[in-house]
């Protein structure tokens, strides 16, 4: 899917999604996943950071609100490694469909 342009590839930078995703892991993202439906709780997404437009974050959907916003959170229980974000659904770039371990 990536080779024919139906997925985008992203590299995980921080530790917010550990133990599932480690820094250096690469994920494939379906950028069309939410064209006709909102994200679902539990899905892992790539989104633009709500306060830093040039920063992309990988988080899990914790809540989908009726006002079109989603609460995203990391899997890492250490608050120094992960923070929650509330983002407009329009800031979500796609759903993570798979990952690659670092080479």
N, C-alpha and C. Protein backbone atom coordinates (compact mmCIF):
# COMPACT_ATOMS: atom_id res chain seq x y z
N UNK A 1 0.82 -1.19 0.00
CA UNK A 1 0.00 0.00 0.00
C UNK A 1 0.86 1.26 0.00
N UNK A 2 1.98 1.19 0.73
CA UNK A 2 2.87 2.34 0.77
C UNK A 2 3.49 2.59 -0.59
N UNK A 3 3.88 1.51 -1.26
CA UNK A 3 4.55 1.63 -2.56
C UNK A 3 3.64 2.24 -3.62
N UNK A 4 2.35 2.03 -3.53
CA UNK A 4 1.45 2.60 -4.53
C UNK A 4 0.77 3.88 -4.04
N UNK A 5 1.24 4.42 -2.94
CA UNK A 5 0.79 5.73 -2.49
C UNK A 5 -0.46 5.76 -1.66
N UNK A 6 -0.94 4.62 -1.19
CA UNK A 6 -2.15 4.61 -0.37
C UNK A 6 -1.86 4.73 1.12
N UNK A 7 -0.60 4.70 1.49
CA UNK A 7 -0.18 4.87 2.88
C UNK A 7 0.97 5.86 2.93
N UNK A 8 1.10 6.53 4.06
CA UNK A 8 2.24 7.41 4.29
C UNK A 8 3.08 6.81 5.40
N UNK A 9 4.36 7.04 5.33
CA UNK A 9 5.29 6.46 6.31
C UNK A 9 5.76 7.56 7.25
N UNK A 10 5.70 7.28 8.56
CA UNK A 10 6.14 8.22 9.60
C UNK A 10 7.09 7.51 10.54
N UNK A 11 8.07 8.25 11.07
CA UNK A 11 9.01 7.71 12.05
C UNK A 11 8.61 8.23 13.43
N UNK A 12 8.55 7.32 14.40
CA UNK A 12 8.25 7.67 15.79
C UNK A 12 9.50 8.29 16.40
N UNK A 13 9.34 9.45 17.04
CA UNK A 13 10.49 10.15 17.60
C UNK A 13 10.54 10.01 19.12
N UNK A 14 9.46 10.26 19.79
CA UNK A 14 9.46 10.24 21.26
C UNK A 14 9.05 8.90 21.84
N UNK A 15 8.99 8.87 23.17
CA UNK A 15 8.67 7.64 23.91
C UNK A 15 7.23 7.60 24.39
N UNK A 16 6.37 8.50 23.90
CA UNK A 16 5.01 8.57 24.44
C UNK A 16 4.16 7.35 24.17
N UNK A 17 4.50 6.56 23.15
CA UNK A 17 3.69 5.38 22.82
C UNK A 17 4.33 4.07 23.27
N UNK A 18 5.39 4.15 24.07
CA UNK A 18 5.99 2.92 24.60
C UNK A 18 5.02 2.28 25.59
N UNK A 19 4.92 1.01 25.65
CA UNK A 19 5.80 -0.01 25.08
C UNK A 19 5.42 -0.44 23.66
N UNK A 20 4.29 0.03 23.12
CA UNK A 20 3.87 -0.42 21.79
C UNK A 20 4.80 0.07 20.69
N UNK A 21 5.12 1.34 20.69
CA UNK A 21 5.99 1.93 19.67
C UNK A 21 7.19 2.57 20.33
N UNK A 22 8.36 2.24 19.84
CA UNK A 22 9.61 2.79 20.37
C UNK A 22 10.12 3.90 19.46
N UNK A 23 10.91 4.82 20.00
CA UNK A 23 11.56 5.80 19.14
C UNK A 23 12.36 5.08 18.05
N UNK A 24 12.20 5.55 16.82
CA UNK A 24 12.87 4.92 15.69
C UNK A 24 11.98 3.97 14.91
N UNK A 25 10.90 3.47 15.54
CA UNK A 25 9.95 2.64 14.79
C UNK A 25 9.33 3.49 13.69
N UNK A 26 8.96 2.84 12.61
CA UNK A 26 8.25 3.52 11.53
C UNK A 26 6.87 2.90 11.40
N UNK A 27 5.90 3.76 11.11
CA UNK A 27 4.52 3.31 10.98
C UNK A 27 3.98 3.71 9.62
N UNK A 28 3.03 2.93 9.14
CA UNK A 28 2.29 3.28 7.93
C UNK A 28 0.95 3.83 8.35
N UNK A 29 0.55 4.91 7.70
CA UNK A 29 -0.67 5.62 8.06
C UNK A 29 -1.59 5.72 6.85
N UNK A 30 -2.85 5.44 7.08
CA UNK A 30 -3.88 5.59 6.04
C UNK A 30 -4.43 7.01 6.13
N UNK A 31 -4.05 7.90 5.21
CA UNK A 31 -4.51 9.29 5.29
C UNK A 31 -5.98 9.46 4.89
N UNK A 32 -6.59 8.43 4.36
CA UNK A 32 -7.99 8.52 3.94
C UNK A 32 -8.95 7.87 4.93
N UNK A 33 -8.44 7.40 6.05
CA UNK A 33 -9.24 6.61 7.00
C UNK A 33 -10.45 7.37 7.55
N UNK A 34 -10.34 8.68 7.67
CA UNK A 34 -11.42 9.43 8.32
C UNK A 34 -12.15 10.38 7.39
N UNK A 35 -12.12 10.07 6.11
CA UNK A 35 -12.85 10.91 5.16
C UNK A 35 -14.35 10.83 5.36
N UNK A 36 -14.84 9.64 5.72
CA UNK A 36 -16.29 9.45 5.82
C UNK A 36 -16.75 8.99 7.20
N UNK A 37 -15.83 8.85 8.12
CA UNK A 37 -16.20 8.43 9.48
C UNK A 37 -15.21 9.02 10.47
N UNK A 38 -15.64 9.27 11.68
CA UNK A 38 -14.72 9.81 12.69
C UNK A 38 -13.81 8.72 13.24
N UNK A 39 -12.72 9.12 13.89
CA UNK A 39 -11.87 8.12 14.56
C UNK A 39 -12.66 7.38 15.63
N UNK A 40 -12.17 6.20 15.98
CA UNK A 40 -12.80 5.42 17.04
C UNK A 40 -11.86 5.32 18.23
N UNK A 41 -12.45 5.21 19.39
CA UNK A 41 -11.66 5.05 20.62
C UNK A 41 -10.77 3.81 20.47
N UNK A 42 -9.51 3.99 20.85
CA UNK A 42 -8.55 2.90 20.79
C UNK A 42 -7.68 2.90 19.56
N UNK A 43 -8.08 3.60 18.51
CA UNK A 43 -7.26 3.65 17.31
C UNK A 43 -6.03 4.51 17.54
N UNK A 44 -4.95 4.17 16.86
CA UNK A 44 -3.72 4.95 16.94
C UNK A 44 -3.67 5.83 15.70
N UNK A 45 -3.40 7.11 15.91
CA UNK A 45 -3.44 8.08 14.83
C UNK A 45 -2.17 8.93 14.81
N UNK A 46 -1.94 9.57 13.68
CA UNK A 46 -0.94 10.62 13.57
C UNK A 46 -1.73 11.92 13.40
N UNK A 47 -1.36 12.93 14.19
CA UNK A 47 -2.08 14.21 14.15
C UNK A 47 -1.09 15.36 14.23
N UNK A 48 -1.53 16.51 13.80
CA UNK A 48 -0.75 17.73 14.01
C UNK A 48 -0.92 18.13 15.47
N UNK A 49 0.16 18.55 16.10
CA UNK A 49 0.09 19.01 17.48
C UNK A 49 -0.80 20.26 17.52
N UNK A 50 -1.71 20.37 18.49
CA UNK A 50 -2.64 21.51 18.51
C UNK A 50 -1.97 22.87 18.73
N UNK A 51 -0.78 22.90 19.32
CA UNK A 51 -0.12 24.18 19.59
C UNK A 51 1.10 24.42 18.71
N UNK A 52 1.57 23.38 18.02
CA UNK A 52 2.76 23.49 17.16
C UNK A 52 2.44 22.84 15.82
N UNK A 53 1.98 23.62 14.87
CA UNK A 53 1.47 23.09 13.61
C UNK A 53 2.49 22.27 12.83
N UNK A 54 3.78 22.53 13.02
CA UNK A 54 4.79 21.78 12.27
C UNK A 54 5.20 20.48 12.97
N UNK A 55 4.62 20.19 14.13
CA UNK A 55 4.94 18.97 14.87
C UNK A 55 3.83 17.95 14.69
N UNK A 56 4.21 16.73 14.35
CA UNK A 56 3.24 15.64 14.21
C UNK A 56 3.42 14.68 15.37
N UNK A 57 2.31 14.22 15.90
CA UNK A 57 2.33 13.34 17.07
C UNK A 57 1.63 12.02 16.74
N UNK A 58 2.08 10.97 17.41
CA UNK A 58 1.44 9.65 17.31
C UNK A 58 0.82 9.37 18.66
N UNK A 59 -0.50 9.18 18.68
CA UNK A 59 -1.22 8.98 19.94
C UNK A 59 -2.39 8.03 19.72
N UNK A 60 -2.96 7.59 20.83
CA UNK A 60 -4.16 6.75 20.81
C UNK A 60 -5.39 7.61 21.07
N UNK A 61 -6.48 7.33 20.36
CA UNK A 61 -7.73 8.05 20.56
C UNK A 61 -8.35 7.57 21.86
N UNK A 62 -8.50 8.49 22.82
CA UNK A 62 -9.07 8.14 24.12
C UNK A 62 -10.55 8.53 24.21
N UNK A 63 -10.94 9.56 23.44
CA UNK A 63 -12.32 10.03 23.49
C UNK A 63 -12.62 10.75 22.19
N UNK A 64 -13.84 10.55 21.69
CA UNK A 64 -14.34 11.29 20.54
C UNK A 64 -15.51 12.11 21.04
N UNK A 65 -15.37 13.41 20.97
CA UNK A 65 -16.38 14.31 21.53
C UNK A 65 -17.42 14.69 20.48
N UNK A 66 -18.59 15.07 20.96
CA UNK A 66 -19.68 15.43 20.04
C UNK A 66 -19.40 16.73 19.29
N UNK A 67 -18.44 17.52 19.77
CA UNK A 67 -18.12 18.79 19.10
C UNK A 67 -17.06 18.63 18.01
N UNK A 68 -16.71 17.40 17.67
CA UNK A 68 -15.76 17.15 16.59
C UNK A 68 -14.31 17.14 17.02
N UNK A 69 -14.05 17.18 18.30
CA UNK A 69 -12.67 17.11 18.80
C UNK A 69 -12.41 15.73 19.38
N UNK A 70 -11.14 15.37 19.43
CA UNK A 70 -10.74 14.08 19.97
C UNK A 70 -9.69 14.29 21.05
N UNK A 71 -9.79 13.50 22.12
CA UNK A 71 -8.73 13.48 23.12
C UNK A 71 -7.77 12.37 22.74
N UNK A 72 -6.51 12.73 22.60
CA UNK A 72 -5.46 11.79 22.24
C UNK A 72 -4.53 11.61 23.42
N UNK A 73 -4.05 10.40 23.64
CA UNK A 73 -3.12 10.17 24.73
C UNK A 73 -2.10 9.10 24.34
N UNK A 74 -0.94 9.19 24.95
CA UNK A 74 0.10 8.20 24.73
C UNK A 74 -0.13 6.99 25.60
N UNK A 75 0.51 5.89 25.26
CA UNK A 75 0.41 4.67 26.05
C UNK A 75 1.37 4.65 27.23
N UNK A 76 2.43 5.47 27.17
CA UNK A 76 3.45 5.48 28.21
C UNK A 76 2.85 6.06 29.49
N UNK A 77 2.86 5.32 30.60
CA UNK A 77 2.26 5.81 31.85
C UNK A 77 3.08 6.90 32.53
N UNK A 78 4.34 7.10 32.12
CA UNK A 78 5.19 8.12 32.73
C UNK A 78 4.79 9.50 32.21
N UNK A 79 4.26 10.38 33.08
CA UNK A 79 3.81 11.70 32.62
C UNK A 79 4.94 12.55 32.04
N UNK A 80 6.18 12.24 32.35
CA UNK A 80 7.30 12.98 31.76
C UNK A 80 7.53 12.57 30.31
N UNK A 81 6.98 11.43 29.90
CA UNK A 81 7.19 10.92 28.54
C UNK A 81 6.00 11.13 27.62
N UNK A 82 4.83 11.42 28.18
CA UNK A 82 3.63 11.52 27.36
C UNK A 82 2.66 12.52 27.96
N UNK A 83 2.02 13.28 27.09
CA UNK A 83 0.98 14.19 27.54
C UNK A 83 -0.24 14.02 26.65
N UNK A 84 -1.39 14.28 27.22
CA UNK A 84 -2.64 14.19 26.46
C UNK A 84 -2.80 15.44 25.61
N UNK A 85 -3.53 15.31 24.52
CA UNK A 85 -3.84 16.44 23.66
C UNK A 85 -5.29 16.35 23.24
N UNK A 86 -5.94 17.48 23.14
CA UNK A 86 -7.28 17.55 22.58
C UNK A 86 -7.14 18.27 21.25
N UNK A 87 -7.54 17.59 20.18
CA UNK A 87 -7.37 18.14 18.85
C UNK A 87 -8.68 18.10 18.08
N UNK A 88 -8.82 19.05 17.16
CA UNK A 88 -9.94 19.00 16.22
C UNK A 88 -9.72 17.80 15.30
N UNK A 89 -10.78 17.16 14.92
CA UNK A 89 -10.66 16.00 14.03
C UNK A 89 -9.93 16.37 12.74
N UNK A 90 -10.01 17.62 12.34
CA UNK A 90 -9.33 18.07 11.12
C UNK A 90 -7.81 18.03 11.25
N UNK A 91 -7.28 17.97 12.48
CA UNK A 91 -5.84 17.89 12.68
C UNK A 91 -5.32 16.47 12.61
N UNK A 92 -6.20 15.49 12.57
CA UNK A 92 -5.77 14.09 12.48
C UNK A 92 -5.42 13.78 11.03
N UNK A 93 -4.18 13.35 10.83
CA UNK A 93 -3.66 13.10 9.48
C UNK A 93 -3.97 11.71 8.97
N UNK A 94 -4.29 10.78 9.87
CA UNK A 94 -4.63 9.43 9.45
C UNK A 94 -4.49 8.41 10.55
N UNK A 95 -4.91 7.18 10.24
CA UNK A 95 -4.88 6.07 11.19
C UNK A 95 -3.67 5.20 10.92
N UNK A 96 -2.97 4.83 11.98
CA UNK A 96 -1.82 3.92 11.86
C UNK A 96 -2.37 2.54 11.54
N UNK A 97 -1.81 1.95 10.48
CA UNK A 97 -2.27 0.63 10.05
C UNK A 97 -1.26 -0.47 10.33
N UNK A 98 0.02 -0.11 10.42
CA UNK A 98 1.04 -1.11 10.69
C UNK A 98 2.33 -0.41 11.09
N UNK A 99 3.29 -1.21 11.56
CA UNK A 99 4.58 -0.62 11.96
C UNK A 99 5.72 -1.49 11.45
N UNK A 100 6.87 -0.86 11.35
CA UNK A 100 8.11 -1.53 11.00
C UNK A 100 9.04 -1.37 12.18
N UNK A 101 9.75 -2.40 12.54
CA UNK A 101 10.79 -2.28 13.56
C UNK A 101 11.98 -1.57 12.93
N UNK A 102 12.78 -0.85 13.72
CA UNK A 102 13.94 -0.18 13.13
C UNK A 102 14.93 -1.19 12.57
N UNK A 103 15.61 -0.75 11.53
CA UNK A 103 16.58 -1.64 10.87
C UNK A 103 17.81 -1.87 11.71
